[in-house]
Amino acid sequence: MRIVNVNEGQEDEVYVIDDFLRDAELMRRLGLKADYPVPVETPWYPGRNSSRPFPIAGLDEMIGHITGRAVAPLADSAHTKFRVCLADEVGKGGVHIDNCHWTGVYCLTLDEHAHGGTDFYRHRPS
């Protein structure tokens, strides 16, 4: 596992962790088999979460160790749920916002299937 804090010393920390999962392929297979309910109404941002979480033993403790701060999931959050966004899915907005201090994203897309990527935005008061 390789850990890099790309904003070290700044208020908004961003950690990039390579090879985080011991068996990423197993997790990927679970994600591909998961149920992703279609939203009744157009959501704010494209994509949908799995109907149930897929907890990773020791995840919160590991992240707490890496960041040096205790972490805990928010009640009723998407913590440890898979998320999928298909090419034809749209949302009312474009930027996904999590109303919490820390957000974790692990990408299970195979390199040969990856097109585009994840962008991170910082709020700038207007």
Protein backbone atom coordinates (compact mmCIF):
# COMPACT_ATOMS: atom_id res chain seq x y z
CA MET A 1 0.00 0.00 0.00
CA ARG A 2 1.32 3.44 -0.95
CA ILE A 3 -0.12 6.54 0.75
CA VAL A 4 0.40 10.11 -0.44
CA ASN A 5 -1.10 13.21 1.19
CA VAL A 6 -1.30 15.49 -1.83
CA ASN A 7 -2.29 18.54 0.24
CA GLU A 8 0.01 18.02 3.21
CA GLY A 9 0.06 20.99 5.55
CA GLN A 10 -3.13 22.48 4.09
CA GLU A 11 -6.53 22.68 5.74
CA ASP A 12 -8.17 20.41 3.14
CA GLU A 13 -6.23 17.16 3.10
CA VAL A 14 -6.44 14.74 0.17
CA TYR A 15 -4.92 11.30 0.50
CA VAL A 16 -4.29 9.00 -2.44
CA ILE A 17 -3.84 5.37 -1.42
CA ASP A 18 -2.74 2.84 -4.01
CA ASP A 19 -3.44 -0.87 -3.55
CA PHE A 20 -5.76 -0.24 -0.60
CA LEU A 21 -7.85 -3.40 -0.96
CA ARG A 22 -6.23 -6.80 -0.48
CA ASP A 23 -8.49 -8.35 -3.11
CA ALA A 24 -9.79 -5.58 -5.34
CA GLU A 25 -11.01 -8.09 -7.94
CA LEU A 26 -13.25 -9.81 -5.38
CA MET A 27 -14.67 -6.43 -4.35
CA ARG A 28 -15.18 -5.55 -8.02
CA ARG A 29 -17.12 -8.79 -8.61
CA LEU A 30 -19.33 -8.01 -5.59
CA GLY A 31 -19.97 -4.55 -7.00
CA LEU A 32 -20.88 -5.92 -10.42
CA LYS A 33 -23.40 -8.32 -8.85
CA ALA A 34 -24.94 -5.72 -6.50
CA ASP A 35 -28.48 -4.40 -6.91
CA TYR A 36 -28.67 -0.74 -7.97
CA PRO A 37 -32.27 0.50 -7.72
CA VAL A 38 -33.32 3.01 -10.37
CA PRO A 39 -34.35 6.28 -8.67
CA VAL A 40 -38.03 7.22 -8.88
CA GLU A 41 -37.15 10.86 -9.63
CA THR A 42 -34.13 12.33 -11.40
CA PRO A 43 -31.42 12.55 -8.72
CA TRP A 44 -29.29 15.64 -8.11
CA TYR A 45 -26.23 13.91 -9.56
CA PRO A 46 -25.99 11.02 -12.02
CA GLY A 47 -25.56 7.45 -10.85
CA ARG A 48 -26.98 5.31 -8.08
CA ASN A 49 -25.89 3.50 -4.96
CA SER A 50 -26.15 -0.21 -4.25
CA SER A 51 -29.24 -1.16 -2.26
CA ARG A 52 -27.09 -2.35 0.65
CA PRO A 53 -23.66 -1.64 2.11
CA PHE A 54 -20.66 -3.96 1.69
CA PRO A 55 -18.63 -3.33 4.86
CA ILE A 56 -14.86 -3.74 4.88
CA ALA A 57 -13.57 -5.07 8.21
CA GLY A 58 -11.36 -2.50 9.95
CA LEU A 59 -11.97 0.25 7.35
CA ASP A 60 -12.77 3.07 9.76
CA GLU A 61 -9.83 2.18 12.01
CA MET A 62 -7.44 2.05 9.03
CA ILE A 63 -8.56 5.46 7.75
CA GLY A 64 -8.31 6.87 11.28
CA HIS A 65 -4.74 5.58 11.48
CA ILE A 66 -3.81 7.09 8.10
CA THR A 67 -5.38 10.50 8.80
CA GLY A 68 -4.53 10.66 12.49
CA ARG A 69 -8.19 11.36 13.30
CA ALA A 70 -10.99 9.08 14.42
CA VAL A 71 -13.59 8.58 11.71
CA ALA A 72 -17.12 7.20 11.88
CA PRO A 73 -19.86 6.94 9.25
CA LEU A 74 -22.80 9.31 9.30
CA ALA A 75 -26.15 7.68 10.04
CA ASP A 76 -28.17 6.95 6.89
CA SER A 77 -25.15 7.64 4.67
CA ALA A 78 -23.91 5.65 1.68
CA HIS A 79 -20.93 4.43 3.74
CA THR A 80 -19.52 1.24 2.13
CA LYS A 81 -22.14 1.17 -0.61
CA PHE A 82 -21.09 0.71 -4.20
CA ARG A 83 -21.94 3.44 -6.69
CA VAL A 84 -22.35 3.09 -10.42
CA CYS A 85 -22.94 5.73 -13.06
CA LEU A 86 -23.81 4.57 -16.55
CA ALA A 87 -23.20 6.61 -19.70
CA ASP A 88 -26.87 7.51 -20.22
CA GLU A 89 -27.59 8.57 -16.63
CA VAL A 90 -28.09 12.24 -15.93
CA GLY A 91 -28.74 14.34 -12.86
CA LYS A 92 -30.17 17.76 -12.09
CA GLY A 93 -26.70 18.99 -11.10
CA GLY A 94 -23.20 17.90 -11.85
CA VAL A 95 -21.07 18.09 -8.73
CA HIS A 96 -21.56 15.40 -6.09
CA ILE A 97 -21.33 16.85 -2.58
CA ASP A 98 -20.98 14.82 0.60
CA ASN A 99 -22.04 16.69 3.73
CA CYS A 100 -19.34 15.32 5.99
CA HIS A 101 -15.74 16.03 6.90
CA TRP A 102 -14.15 13.02 5.16
CA THR A 103 -15.18 11.27 1.97
CA GLY A 104 -13.58 8.12 0.63
CA VAL A 105 -13.67 6.89 -2.93
CA TYR A 106 -12.14 3.68 -4.19
CA CYS A 107 -12.17 3.03 -7.89
CA LEU A 108 -12.71 -0.54 -9.06
CA THR A 109 -12.75 0.14 -12.80
CA LEU A 110 -10.19 -1.87 -14.72
CA ASP A 111 -7.59 0.27 -16.48
CA GLU A 112 -8.73 -0.91 -19.92
CA HIS A 113 -12.31 0.23 -19.16
CA ALA A 114 -11.45 3.58 -17.62
CA HIS A 115 -12.54 6.61 -19.61
CA GLY A 116 -12.52 10.01 -17.96
CA GLY A 117 -12.15 9.96 -14.22
CA THR A 118 -13.02 11.62 -10.95
CA ASP A 119 -12.58 15.35 -10.48
CA PHE A 120 -12.30 16.99 -7.08
CA TYR A 121 -13.54 20.54 -6.52
CA ARG A 122 -12.96 22.91 -3.66
CA HIS A 123 -15.68 25.39 -2.68
CA ARG A 124 -14.63 28.99 -3.08
CA PRO A 125 -16.94 31.46 -1.36
CA SER A 126 -18.34 33.92 -3.91
